[in-house]
C-alpha cells in the first residue's frame, strides 16, 4: 500500500483506474462493500483501485467545534483498506483552495486530470465541491461527459439500521460497546499512544499498567475492557499480549482524574516511552468504587483472568 499526499506527483501506476472518494473513517463493513465493487471495476479497466480521502477532514477546517475525534489514523486506515484490496490511498491536503472548488472544477482537476479515473464508485449520499453542491446525479452527468463509468453502492445494514461511522462512534465513545462495534468494523477497534509513567499503584497491587497518552483517535467510554496490546518500535517482530484495559478515574483511591491504563498480561519488557497499539475486544464492566484495596485486587484479578481468556482466544483465532 502506498499513501500519496501530493496528488500532483502521483506515479503512473496510481492513475487510470477506479476511484472512490470519501473519508472511510473506521473502515467498516459498508466501506468494505464499496471497496469490493471498486476492486472489481479496477480489474475490469486494467488499472489500480484508488481511494481518495482528505487529510484533515474538511469539517476540521469548516466547523472545528463540530469535528468528532476520528476512529482511525491515516496509516491504520490505509492498512485496513489495503487488506480489502485497495492499491493506493491519496490523502489530499485539505485547504481553503480545495474547499472553494466548484463541483465541476473538483471533478475536472482531481478525478479527470490528476487521477485520470476510468471508473468511479460512490455511495448514494456522496457530495462534493464548494458547499457540497455536487451530488451523485451531477457526478453521473460529469462522468458520462468524461467517458467514465459510475457505480453507486447502497449502504450496508446491521440489526435493521445502517452501518455508519457515526453509529460506530456512538457505540464506542458513549456506550463502550466495542464488541458490537467490531461486528460492524472490518477489524477490532484500535487506538495508539505513548507509554508513560503513572503513579505506580497498579504495580504495587500486583498488576503493573502502562499509562497511555497522546491517543489521537476516539477513546472508548469509561470502563474495564479486554483486548490485545502490541508494542511498536521494536527491531524484532512485534510482540502481542492479552490486555486488561481501564479507562476512567480510580474512585477507590479518590483519584478523579481519568486515565487510560493497560495491563499487558505476560509482558515483562520495559516499554516506557514506546508506542503501544491496543485492540478492544469486549467490555468487562463499568468503573466502580470498592470498599477496600483488597476488594479491588480481588476484582482486578477476575478482570485479568477474563481479559486473558478473551485475548488469547482472539490471538489463537488470528
C-alpha atoms as a PDB file:
ATOM      1  CA  UNK A   1       0.000   0.000   0.000  1.00  0.00           C
ATOM      2  CA  UNK A   2       1.218   3.478  -0.865  1.00  0.00           C
ATOM      3  CA  UNK A   3      -0.075   6.714   0.683  1.00  0.00           C
ATOM      4  CA  UNK A   4       0.268   9.754  -1.552  1.00  0.00           C
ATOM      5  CA  UNK A   5      -0.032  13.209  -0.009  1.00  0.00           C
ATOM      6  CA  UNK A   6       0.649  15.235  -3.123  1.00  0.00           C
ATOM      7  CA  UNK A   7      -1.784  14.354  -5.880  1.00  0.00           C
ATOM      8  CA  UNK A   8       0.237  16.285  -8.449  1.00  0.00           C
ATOM      9  CA  UNK A   9       3.147  13.855  -8.022  1.00  0.00           C
ATOM     10  CA  UNK A  10       1.195  10.623  -8.418  1.00  0.00           C
ATOM     11  CA  UNK A  11       3.140   7.786 -10.058  1.00  0.00           C
ATOM     12  CA  UNK A  12       1.818   6.415 -13.317  1.00  0.00           C
ATOM     13  CA  UNK A  13       0.601   3.194 -11.682  1.00  0.00           C
ATOM     14  CA  UNK A  14      -1.768   5.197  -9.447  1.00  0.00           C
ATOM     15  CA  UNK A  15      -3.600   6.719 -12.432  1.00  0.00           C
ATOM     16  CA  UNK A  16      -6.072   5.352 -14.940  1.00  0.00           C
ATOM     17  CA  UNK A  17      -8.004   3.066 -12.613  1.00  0.00           C
ATOM     18  CA  UNK A  18     -11.106   3.004 -10.435  1.00  0.00           C
ATOM     19  CA  UNK A  19     -11.506   5.723  -7.798  1.00  0.00           C
ATOM     20  CA  UNK A  20     -13.666   6.156  -4.716  1.00  0.00           C
ATOM     21  CA  UNK A  21     -13.720   9.423  -2.765  1.00  0.00           C
ATOM     22  CA  UNK A  22     -14.597   9.543   0.901  1.00  0.00           C
ATOM     23  CA  UNK A  23     -13.421   9.739   4.479  1.00  0.00           C
ATOM     24  CA  UNK A  24     -13.581   5.956   5.133  1.00  0.00           C
ATOM     25  CA  UNK A  25     -13.313   6.596   8.875  1.00  0.00           C
ATOM     26  CA  UNK A  26     -13.103   3.297  10.740  1.00  0.00           C
ATOM     27  CA  UNK A  27     -13.168   1.247   7.518  1.00  0.00           C
ATOM     28  CA  UNK A  28     -16.418  -0.552   8.360  1.00  0.00           C
ATOM     29  CA  UNK A  29     -18.426  -3.206   6.517  1.00  0.00           C
ATOM     30  CA  UNK A  30     -20.174  -0.591   4.400  1.00  0.00           C
ATOM     31  CA  UNK A  31     -16.789   0.617   3.225  1.00  0.00           C
ATOM     32  CA  UNK A  32     -15.775  -2.988   2.554  1.00  0.00           C
ATOM     33  CA  UNK A  33     -18.787  -3.453   0.307  1.00  0.00           C
ATOM     34  CA  UNK A  34     -17.864  -0.325  -1.622  1.00  0.00           C
ATOM     35  CA  UNK A  35     -14.210  -1.380  -1.933  1.00  0.00           C
ATOM     36  CA  UNK A  36     -15.288  -4.792  -3.235  1.00  0.00           C
ATOM     37  CA  UNK A  37     -17.007  -3.038  -6.148  1.00  0.00           C
ATOM     38  CA  UNK A  38     -14.046  -0.677  -6.532  1.00  0.00           C
ATOM     39  CA  UNK A  39     -11.655  -3.625  -6.820  1.00  0.00           C
ATOM     40  CA  UNK A  40     -13.899  -5.276  -9.428  1.00  0.00           C
ATOM     41  CA  UNK A  41     -14.093  -2.110 -11.536  1.00  0.00           C
ATOM     42  CA  UNK A  42     -10.336  -1.597 -11.279  1.00  0.00           C
ATOM     43  CA  UNK A  43      -9.749  -5.106 -12.585  1.00  0.00           C
ATOM     44  CA  UNK A  44     -12.212  -4.518 -15.429  1.00  0.00           C
ATOM     45  CA  UNK A  45     -10.448  -1.361 -16.628  1.00  0.00           C
ATOM     46  CA  UNK A  46      -6.987  -2.821 -16.006  1.00  0.00           C
ATOM     47  CA  UNK A  47      -5.914  -0.133 -13.538  1.00  0.00           C
ATOM     48  CA  UNK A  48      -5.404   0.416  -9.809  1.00  0.00           C
ATOM     49  CA  UNK A  49      -8.038   0.605  -7.100  1.00  0.00           C
ATOM     50  CA  UNK A  50      -7.604   4.078  -5.585  1.00  0.00           C
ATOM     51  CA  UNK A  51      -9.200   5.632  -2.507  1.00  0.00           C
ATOM     52  CA  UNK A  52      -9.116   9.419  -2.438  1.00  0.00           C
ATOM     53  CA  UNK A  53      -9.526  10.821   1.061  1.00  0.00           C
ATOM     54  CA  UNK A  54      -8.876  14.102   2.828  1.00  0.00           C
ATOM     55  CA  UNK A  55      -6.309  14.992   5.477  1.00  0.00           C
ATOM     56  CA  UNK A  56      -7.570  16.557   7.642  1.00  0.00           C
ATOM     57  CA  UNK A  57     -11.305  16.022   7.362  1.00  0.00           C
ATOM     58  CA  UNK A  58     -12.906  19.143   5.773  1.00  0.00           C
ATOM     59  CA  UNK A  59     -15.138  19.631   8.835  1.00  0.00           C
ATOM     60  CA  UNK A  60     -11.998  20.343  10.891  1.00  0.00           C
ATOM     61  CA  UNK A  61     -11.462  23.473   8.816  1.00  0.00           C
ATOM     62  CA  UNK A  62     -15.074  24.439   8.213  1.00  0.00           C
ATOM     63  CA  UNK A  63     -16.564  23.773  11.663  1.00  0.00           C
ATOM     64  CA  UNK A  64     -13.773  22.700  14.013  1.00  0.00           C
ATOM     65  CA  UNK A  65     -16.022  22.671  17.086  1.00  0.00           C
ATOM     66  CA  UNK A  66     -18.231  20.046  15.390  1.00  0.00           C
ATOM     67  CA  UNK A  67     -15.441  17.763  14.216  1.00  0.00           C
ATOM     68  CA  UNK A  68     -15.592  14.466  16.136  1.00  0.00           C
ATOM     69  CA  UNK A  69     -12.437  12.513  17.005  1.00  0.00           C
ATOM     70  CA  UNK A  70     -11.614  10.040  14.238  1.00  0.00           C
ATOM     71  CA  UNK A  71     -11.914   6.272  14.502  1.00  0.00           C
ATOM     72  CA  UNK A  72      -8.692   5.630  12.600  1.00  0.00           C
ATOM     73  CA  UNK A  73      -5.440   7.439  11.939  1.00  0.00           C
ATOM     74  CA  UNK A  74      -4.291   7.676   8.324  1.00  0.00           C
ATOM     75  CA  UNK A  75      -1.750   4.848   8.311  1.00  0.00           C
ATOM     76  CA  UNK A  76      -4.189   2.492  10.032  1.00  0.00           C
ATOM     77  CA  UNK A  77      -6.890   3.431   7.554  1.00  0.00           C
ATOM     78  CA  UNK A  78      -4.537   2.671   4.667  1.00  0.00           C
ATOM     79  CA  UNK A  79      -3.564  -0.658   6.249  1.00  0.00           C
ATOM     80  CA  UNK A  80      -7.201  -1.713   6.551  1.00  0.00           C
ATOM     81  CA  UNK A  81      -8.024  -0.566   3.018  1.00  0.00           C
ATOM     82  CA  UNK A  82      -5.039  -2.469   1.645  1.00  0.00           C
ATOM     83  CA  UNK A  83      -6.380  -5.601   3.301  1.00  0.00           C
ATOM     84  CA  UNK A  84      -9.596  -5.114   1.338  1.00  0.00           C
ATOM     85  CA  UNK A  85      -7.798  -4.777  -1.985  1.00  0.00           C
ATOM     86  CA  UNK A  86      -7.028  -1.060  -2.384  1.00  0.00           C
ATOM     87  CA  UNK A  87      -3.770  -0.314  -4.204  1.00  0.00           C
ATOM     88  CA  UNK A  88      -3.277   3.384  -3.458  1.00  0.00           C
ATOM     89  CA  UNK A  89      -4.590   5.901  -0.938  1.00  0.00           C
ATOM     90  CA  UNK A  90      -4.411   9.573  -1.847  1.00  0.00           C
ATOM     91  CA  UNK A  91      -4.576  11.673   1.331  1.00  0.00           C
ATOM     92  CA  UNK A  92      -5.247  15.030  -0.255  1.00  0.00           C
ATOM     93  CA  UNK A  93      -4.267  18.016   1.922  1.00  0.00           C
ATOM     94  CA  UNK A  94      -7.423  19.883   2.833  1.00  0.00           C
ATOM     95  CA  UNK A  95      -7.038  23.631   2.480  1.00  0.00           C
ATOM     96  CA  UNK A  96      -9.102  26.683   1.573  1.00  0.00           C
ATOM     97  CA  UNK A  97      -8.311  26.317  -2.131  1.00  0.00           C
ATOM     98  CA  UNK A  98      -9.754  22.802  -2.171  1.00  0.00           C
ATOM     99  CA  UNK A  99     -12.859  23.842  -0.249  1.00  0.00           C
ATOM    100  CA  UNK A 100     -13.534  26.683  -2.727  1.00  0.00           C
ATOM    101  CA  UNK A 101     -13.539  24.415  -5.795  1.00  0.00           C
ATOM    102  CA  UNK A 102     -16.889  24.125  -7.521  1.00  0.00           C
ATOM    103  CA  UNK A 103     -18.217  20.617  -8.034  1.00  0.00           C
ATOM    104  CA  UNK A 104     -17.329  20.705 -11.739  1.00  0.00           C
ATOM    105  CA  UNK A 105     -13.809  22.041 -11.056  1.00  0.00           C
ATOM    106  CA  UNK A 106     -13.306  19.410  -8.339  1.00  0.00           C
ATOM    107  CA  UNK A 107     -14.259  16.694 -10.815  1.00  0.00           C
ATOM    108  CA  UNK A 108     -12.124  18.102 -13.624  1.00  0.00           C
ATOM    109  CA  UNK A 109      -8.993  18.861 -11.596  1.00  0.00           C
ATOM    110  CA  UNK A 110      -8.883  15.816  -9.370  1.00  0.00           C
ATOM    111  CA  UNK A 111     -10.805  12.966 -10.958  1.00  0.00           C
ATOM    112  CA  UNK A 112     -10.236  13.644 -14.654  1.00  0.00           C
ATOM    113  CA  UNK A 113      -6.856  15.374 -14.835  1.00  0.00           C
ATOM    114  CA  UNK A 114      -4.963  14.249 -11.725  1.00  0.00           C
ATOM    115  CA  UNK A 115      -6.213  10.685 -11.302  1.00  0.00           C
ATOM    116  CA  UNK A 116      -7.246  10.026 -14.921  1.00  0.00           C
ATOM    117  CA  UNK A 117     -10.043   7.901 -13.489  1.00  0.00           C
ATOM    118  CA  UNK A 118     -11.809   5.468 -15.776  1.00  0.00           C
ATOM    119  CA  UNK A 119     -14.352   4.235 -13.233  1.00  0.00           C
ATOM    120  CA  UNK A 120     -15.928   5.795 -10.140  1.00  0.00           C
ATOM    121  CA  UNK A 121     -17.545   4.066  -7.184  1.00  0.00           C
ATOM    122  CA  UNK A 122     -19.500   6.016  -4.538  1.00  0.00           C
ATOM    123  CA  UNK A 123     -22.312   5.729  -2.035  1.00  0.00           C
ATOM    124  CA  UNK A 124     -25.719   7.335  -2.657  1.00  0.00           C
ATOM    125  CA  UNK A 125     -25.089  10.147  -0.158  1.00  0.00           C
ATOM    126  CA  UNK A 126     -21.886  11.372  -1.769  1.00  0.00           C
ATOM    127  CA  UNK A 127     -21.460  15.156  -2.057  1.00  0.00           C
ATOM    128  CA  UNK A 128     -18.538  17.129  -3.456  1.00  0.00           C
ATOM    129  CA  UNK A 129     -17.420  20.639  -4.309  1.00  0.00           C
ATOM    130  CA  UNK A 130     -17.945  24.003  -2.617  1.00  0.00           C
ATOM    131  CA  UNK A 131     -20.760  23.869  -0.050  1.00  0.00           C
ATOM    132  CA  UNK A 132     -21.351  20.232  -1.054  1.00  0.00           C
ATOM    133  CA  UNK A 133     -23.117  21.468  -4.198  1.00  0.00           C
ATOM    134  CA  UNK A 134     -22.415  18.285  -6.164  1.00  0.00           C
ATOM    135  CA  UNK A 135     -24.339  15.042  -5.609  1.00  0.00           C
ATOM    136  CA  UNK A 136     -24.374  11.622  -7.291  1.00  0.00           C
ATOM    137  CA  UNK A 137     -26.729  12.883 -10.017  1.00  0.00           C
ATOM    138  CA  UNK A 138     -24.256  15.588 -11.020  1.00  0.00           C
ATOM    139  CA  UNK A 139     -21.389  13.126 -10.668  1.00  0.00           C
ATOM    140  CA  UNK A 140     -23.155  10.741 -13.037  1.00  0.00           C
ATOM    141  CA  UNK A 141     -23.582  13.550 -15.582  1.00  0.00           C
ATOM    142  CA  UNK A 142     -19.920  14.635 -15.345  1.00  0.00           C
ATOM    143  CA  UNK A 143     -18.707  11.033 -15.503  1.00  0.00           C
ATOM    144  CA  UNK A 144     -20.773  10.406 -18.642  1.00  0.00           C
ATOM    145  CA  UNK A 145     -19.304  13.516 -20.266  1.00  0.00           C
ATOM    146  CA  UNK A 146     -15.771  12.311 -19.442  1.00  0.00           C
ATOM    147  CA  UNK A 147     -16.345   8.726 -20.559  1.00  0.00           C
ATOM    148  CA  UNK A 148     -16.131   7.271 -17.056  1.00  0.00           C
ATOM    149  CA  UNK A 149     -18.413   4.668 -15.508  1.00  0.00           C
ATOM    150  CA  UNK A 150     -20.108   5.315 -12.179  1.00  0.00           C
ATOM    151  CA  UNK A 151     -21.314   2.681  -9.718  1.00  0.00           C
ATOM    152  CA  UNK A 152     -23.469   3.756  -6.772  1.00  0.00           C
ATOM    153  CA  UNK A 153     -23.235   1.207  -3.950  1.00  0.00           C
ATOM    154  CA  UNK A 154     -26.036   1.048  -1.408  1.00  0.00           C
ATOM    155  CA  UNK A 155     -25.104   1.227   2.305  1.00  0.00           C
ATOM    156  CA  UNK A 156     -24.857  -1.901   4.458  1.00  0.00           C
ATOM    157  CA  UNK A 157     -27.118  -2.558   7.438  1.00  0.00           C
ATOM    158  CA  UNK A 158     -26.758  -4.264  10.791  1.00  0.00           C
ATOM    159  CA  UNK A 159     -29.692  -5.003  13.067  1.00  0.00           C
ATOM    160  CA  UNK A 160     -32.056  -3.108  10.802  1.00  0.00           C
ATOM    161  CA  UNK A 161     -30.040   0.145  10.896  1.00  0.00           C
ATOM    162  CA  UNK A 162     -27.447   1.475   8.505  1.00  0.00           C
ATOM    163  CA  UNK A 163     -23.793   0.923   9.319  1.00  0.00           C
ATOM    164  CA  UNK A 164     -22.055   4.292   9.562  1.00  0.00           C
ATOM    165  CA  UNK A 165     -19.008   5.816  11.177  1.00  0.00           C
ATOM    166  CA  UNK A 166     -21.238   8.000  13.354  1.00  0.00           C
ATOM    167  CA  UNK A 167     -23.184   4.968  14.615  1.00  0.00           C
ATOM    168  CA  UNK A 168     -19.955   3.132  15.416  1.00  0.00           C
ATOM    169  CA  UNK A 169     -18.611   6.241  17.129  1.00  0.00           C
ATOM    170  CA  UNK A 170     -21.645   6.329  19.436  1.00  0.00           C
ATOM    171  CA  UNK A 171     -21.300   2.641  20.284  1.00  0.00           C
ATOM    172  CA  UNK A 172     -17.631   3.053  21.209  1.00  0.00           C
ATOM    173  CA  UNK A 173     -17.425   6.519  22.692  1.00  0.00           C
ATOM    174  CA  UNK A 174     -20.766   6.766  24.523  1.00  0.00           C
ATOM    175  CA  UNK A 175     -21.665   3.184  25.334  1.00  0.00           C
ATOM    176  CA  UNK A 176     -18.368   1.292  25.339  1.00  0.00           C
ATOM    177  CA  UNK A 177     -19.904  -1.440  23.193  1.00  0.00           C
ATOM    178  CA  UNK A 178     -16.654  -2.335  21.482  1.00  0.00           C
ATOM    179  CA  UNK A 179     -17.742  -5.890  20.639  1.00  0.00           C
ATOM    180  CA  UNK A 180     -20.884  -4.635  18.873  1.00  0.00           C
ATOM    181  CA  UNK A 181     -18.784  -2.041  17.052  1.00  0.00           C
ATOM    182  CA  UNK A 182     -16.301  -4.713  15.980  1.00  0.00           C
ATOM    183  CA  UNK A 183     -19.190  -6.554  14.361  1.00  0.00           C
ATOM    184  CA  UNK A 184     -19.654  -3.570  12.050  1.00  0.00           C
ATOM    185  CA  UNK A 185     -15.967  -2.825  11.536  1.00  0.00           C
ATOM    186  CA  UNK A 186     -13.577  -4.882   9.424  1.00  0.00           C
ATOM    187  CA  UNK A 187     -11.217  -5.313  12.407  1.00  0.00           C
ATOM    188  CA  UNK A 188     -11.396  -4.752  16.193  1.00  0.00           C
ATOM    189  CA  UNK A 189     -11.297  -1.118  17.243  1.00  0.00           C
ATOM    190  CA  UNK A 190      -7.709   0.038  17.730  1.00  0.00           C
ATOM    191  CA  UNK A 191      -6.064   3.023  19.396  1.00  0.00           C
ATOM    192  CA  UNK A 192      -2.420   4.044  19.741  1.00  0.00           C
ATOM    193  CA  UNK A 193      -0.434   6.112  22.199  1.00  0.00           C
ATOM    194  CA  UNK A 194       2.863   6.502  24.023  1.00  0.00           C
ATOM    195  CA  UNK A 195       3.571   4.613  27.257  1.00  0.00           C
ATOM    196  CA  UNK A 196       4.293   6.997  30.141  1.00  0.00           C
ATOM    197  CA  UNK A 197       4.974   6.577  33.850  1.00  0.00           C
ATOM    198  CA  UNK A 198       1.966   6.668  36.154  1.00  0.00           C
ATOM    199  CA  UNK A 199       1.572   6.626  39.916  1.00  0.00           C
ATOM    200  CA  UNK A 200       2.795   3.029  40.149  1.00  0.00           C
ATOM    201  CA  UNK A 201      -0.325   1.975  42.039  1.00  0.00           C
ATOM    202  CA  UNK A 202      -1.019  -0.935  39.671  1.00  0.00           C
ATOM    203  CA  UNK A 203       2.423  -2.428  40.199  1.00  0.00           C
ATOM    204  CA  UNK A 204       2.022  -2.118  43.957  1.00  0.00           C
ATOM    205  CA  UNK A 205      -1.205  -4.105  43.722  1.00  0.00           C
ATOM    206  CA  UNK A 206       0.451  -6.777  41.594  1.00  0.00           C
ATOM    207  CA  UNK A 207      -0.888  -5.625  38.211  1.00  0.00           C
ATOM    208  CA  UNK A 208       1.581  -3.218  36.578  1.00  0.00           C
ATOM    209  CA  UNK A 209      -0.021  -0.980  33.992  1.00  0.00           C
ATOM    210  CA  UNK A 210       1.215   1.100  31.097  1.00  0.00           C
ATOM    211  CA  UNK A 211      -0.284   4.572  31.149  1.00  0.00           C
ATOM    212  CA  UNK A 212      -1.109   5.567  27.591  1.00  0.00           C
ATOM    213  CA  UNK A 213      -1.049   9.190  26.474  1.00  0.00           C
ATOM    214  CA  UNK A 214      -1.202  11.023  23.172  1.00  0.00           C
ATOM    215  CA  UNK A 215      -4.108   8.980  21.803  1.00  0.00           C
ATOM    216  CA  UNK A 216      -5.259  10.727  18.615  1.00  0.00           C
ATOM    217  CA  UNK A 217      -8.475   8.799  17.967  1.00  0.00           C
ATOM    218  CA  UNK A 218     -11.740   8.271  19.820  1.00  0.00           C
ATOM    219  CA  UNK A 219     -11.420   6.832  23.330  1.00  0.00           C
ATOM    220  CA  UNK A 220     -13.982   4.224  24.363  1.00  0.00           C
ATOM    221  CA  UNK A 221     -16.343   5.150  27.192  1.00  0.00           C
ATOM    222  CA  UNK A 222     -15.141   4.734  30.763  1.00  0.00           C
ATOM    223  CA  UNK A 223     -14.948   1.093  31.749  1.00  0.00           C
ATOM    224  CA  UNK A 224     -12.790  -2.016  32.016  1.00  0.00           C
ATOM    225  CA  UNK A 225     -12.069  -3.842  28.766  1.00  0.00           C
ATOM    226  CA  UNK A 226     -10.427  -6.956  27.397  1.00  0.00           C
ATOM    227  CA  UNK A 227      -8.117  -6.518  24.449  1.00  0.00           C
ATOM    228  CA  UNK A 228      -4.750  -7.126  22.873  1.00  0.00           C
ATOM    229  CA  UNK A 229      -1.705  -4.863  23.089  1.00  0.00           C
ATOM    230  CA  UNK A 230       1.181  -4.648  20.645  1.00  0.00           C
ATOM    231  CA  UNK A 231       4.433  -2.866  21.458  1.00  0.00           C
ATOM    232  CA  UNK A 232       5.756  -0.945  18.484  1.00  0.00           C
ATOM    233  CA  UNK A 233       9.178   0.429  17.679  1.00  0.00           C
ATOM    234  CA  UNK A 234      10.939  -2.906  18.110  1.00  0.00           C
ATOM    235  CA  UNK A 235      13.721  -4.231  15.924  1.00  0.00           C
ATOM    236  CA  UNK A 236      12.442  -7.785  16.344  1.00  0.00           C
ATOM    237  CA  UNK A 237       8.914  -8.881  15.298  1.00  0.00           C
ATOM    238  CA  UNK A 238       6.168  -7.134  17.218  1.00  0.00           C
ATOM    239  CA  UNK A 239       5.051  -8.760  20.449  1.00  0.00           C
ATOM    240  CA  UNK A 240       1.370  -9.292  21.177  1.00  0.00           C
ATOM    241  CA  UNK A 241      -0.117  -9.689  24.653  1.00  0.00           C
ATOM    242  CA  UNK A 242      -3.632 -10.126  26.003  1.00  0.00           C
ATOM    243  CA  UNK A 243      -4.539  -6.919  27.805  1.00  0.00           C
ATOM    244  CA  UNK A 244      -6.828  -5.699  30.571  1.00  0.00           C
ATOM    245  CA  UNK A 245      -7.614  -2.027  29.954  1.00  0.00           C
ATOM    246  CA  UNK A 246      -9.040   0.538  32.351  1.00  0.00           C
ATOM    247  CA  UNK A 247     -10.382   3.866  31.122  1.00  0.00           C
ATOM    248  CA  UNK A 248     -11.564   6.384  33.671  1.00  0.00           C
ATOM    249  CA  UNK A 249     -10.874   7.539  37.232  1.00  0.00           C
ATOM    250  CA  UNK A 250      -9.883   5.419  40.229  1.00  0.00           C
ATOM    251  CA  UNK A 251     -12.600   6.232  42.774  1.00  0.00           C
ATOM    252  CA  UNK A 252     -11.415   3.617  45.283  1.00  0.00           C
ATOM    253  CA  UNK A 253      -8.298   5.766  45.838  1.00  0.00           C
ATOM    254  CA  UNK A 254     -10.233   9.058  45.489  1.00  0.00           C
ATOM    255  CA  UNK A 255      -8.493   9.767  42.188  1.00  0.00           C
ATOM    256  CA  UNK A 256     -10.931  11.654  39.957  1.00  0.00           C
ATOM    257  CA  UNK A 257      -8.563  12.119  37.026  1.00  0.00           C
ATOM    258  CA  UNK A 258      -9.480   9.918  34.056  1.00  0.00           C
ATOM    259  CA  UNK A 259      -6.611   7.774  32.796  1.00  0.00           C
ATOM    260  CA  UNK A 260      -6.020   5.085  30.219  1.00  0.00           C
ATOM    261  CA  UNK A 261      -4.152   2.165  31.810  1.00  0.00           C
ATOM    262  CA  UNK A 262      -3.188  -1.049  30.037  1.00  0.00           C
ATOM    263  CA  UNK A 263      -2.059  -4.199  31.844  1.00  0.00           C
ATOM    264  CA  UNK A 264      -0.200  -6.349  29.302  1.00  0.00           C
ATOM    265  CA  UNK A 265      -0.656  -9.896  30.568  1.00  0.00           C
ATOM    266  CA  UNK A 266       2.623 -11.793  30.495  1.00  0.00           C
ATOM    267  CA  UNK A 267       4.704  -8.801  29.407  1.00  0.00           C
ATOM    268  CA  UNK A 268       7.986  -8.343  31.276  1.00  0.00           C
ATOM    269  CA  UNK A 269       9.603  -5.860  28.882  1.00  0.00           C
ATOM    270  CA  UNK A 270      10.446  -2.246  29.651  1.00  0.00           C
ATOM    271  CA  UNK A 271       8.147  -0.364  27.280  1.00  0.00           C
ATOM    272  CA  UNK A 272       8.141   3.132  28.761  1.00  0.00           C
ATOM    273  CA  UNK A 273       8.456   5.803  26.098  1.00  0.00           C
ATOM    274  CA  UNK A 274       7.490   3.390  23.321  1.00  0.00           C
ATOM    275  CA  UNK A 275       4.393   3.415  21.115  1.00  0.00           C
ATOM    276  CA  UNK A 276       1.697   0.936  22.063  1.00  0.00           C
ATOM    277  CA  UNK A 277      -1.318  -0.081  19.992  1.00  0.00           C
ATOM    278  CA  UNK A 278      -4.348  -1.600  21.701  1.00  0.00           C
ATOM    279  CA  UNK A 279      -7.236  -3.538  20.167  1.00  0.00           C
ATOM    280  CA  UNK A 280     -10.513  -3.521  22.142  1.00  0.00           C
ATOM    281  CA  UNK A 281     -12.350  -6.854  22.098  1.00  0.00           C
ATOM    282  CA  UNK A 282     -15.037  -6.638  24.796  1.00  0.00           C
ATOM    283  CA  UNK A 283     -16.232  -4.543  27.728  1.00  0.00           C
ATOM    284  CA  UNK A 284     -15.942  -6.355  31.057  1.00  0.00           C
ATOM    285  CA  UNK A 285     -17.607  -3.904  33.433  1.00  0.00           C
ATOM    286  CA  UNK A 286     -18.084  -0.280  34.391  1.00  0.00           C
ATOM    287  CA  UNK A 287     -15.722   1.677  36.620  1.00  0.00           C
ATOM    288  CA  UNK A 288     -16.865   1.463  40.254  1.00  0.00           C
ATOM    289  CA  UNK A 289     -15.792   2.201  43.822  1.00  0.00           C
ATOM    290  CA  UNK A 290     -14.632  -0.704  46.009  1.00  0.00           C
ATOM    291  CA  UNK A 291     -14.812  -0.739  49.786  1.00  0.00           C
ATOM    292  CA  UNK A 292     -11.140  -1.608  50.207  1.00  0.00           C
ATOM    293  CA  UNK A 293      -7.951  -2.149  48.223  1.00  0.00           C
ATOM    294  CA  UNK A 294      -8.301  -5.867  48.940  1.00  0.00           C
ATOM    295  CA  UNK A 295     -11.744  -5.977  47.315  1.00  0.00           C
ATOM    296  CA  UNK A 296     -10.343  -4.058  44.346  1.00  0.00           C
ATOM    297  CA  UNK A 297      -7.451  -6.516  43.954  1.00  0.00           C
ATOM    298  CA  UNK A 298      -9.843  -9.474  44.011  1.00  0.00           C
ATOM    299  CA  UNK A 299     -11.983  -7.928  41.296  1.00  0.00           C
ATOM    300  CA  UNK A 300      -8.999  -6.892  39.180  1.00  0.00           C
ATOM    301  CA  UNK A 301      -7.707 -10.464  39.397  1.00  0.00           C
ATOM    302  CA  UNK A 302     -11.011 -11.697  37.918  1.00  0.00           C
ATOM    303  CA  UNK A 303     -10.874  -8.976  35.264  1.00  0.00           C
ATOM    304  CA  UNK A 304      -7.368 -10.017  34.259  1.00  0.00           C
ATOM    305  CA  UNK A 305      -8.388 -13.677  34.059  1.00  0.00           C
ATOM    306  CA  UNK A 306     -11.317 -12.784  31.810  1.00  0.00           C
ATOM    307  CA  UNK A 307      -9.165 -10.462  29.687  1.00  0.00           C
ATOM    308  CA  UNK A 308      -6.514 -13.137  29.257  1.00  0.00           C
ATOM    309  CA  UNK A 309      -9.084 -15.700  28.195  1.00  0.00           C
ATOM    310  CA  UNK A 310     -10.663 -13.338  25.653  1.00  0.00           C
ATOM    311  CA  UNK A 311      -7.319 -12.013  24.401  1.00  0.00           C
ATOM    312  CA  UNK A 312      -5.710 -15.422  23.964  1.00  0.00           C
ATOM    313  CA  UNK A 313      -8.784 -16.754  22.189  1.00  0.00           C
ATOM    314  CA  UNK A 314      -8.558 -13.845  19.761  1.00  0.00           C
ATOM    315  CA  UNK A 315      -4.828 -14.347  19.197  1.00  0.00           C
ATOM    316  CA  UNK A 316      -5.249 -18.078  18.677  1.00  0.00           C
ATOM    317  CA  UNK A 317      -8.016 -17.461  16.129  1.00  0.00           C
ATOM    318  CA  UNK A 318      -5.901 -14.913  14.265  1.00  0.00           C
END
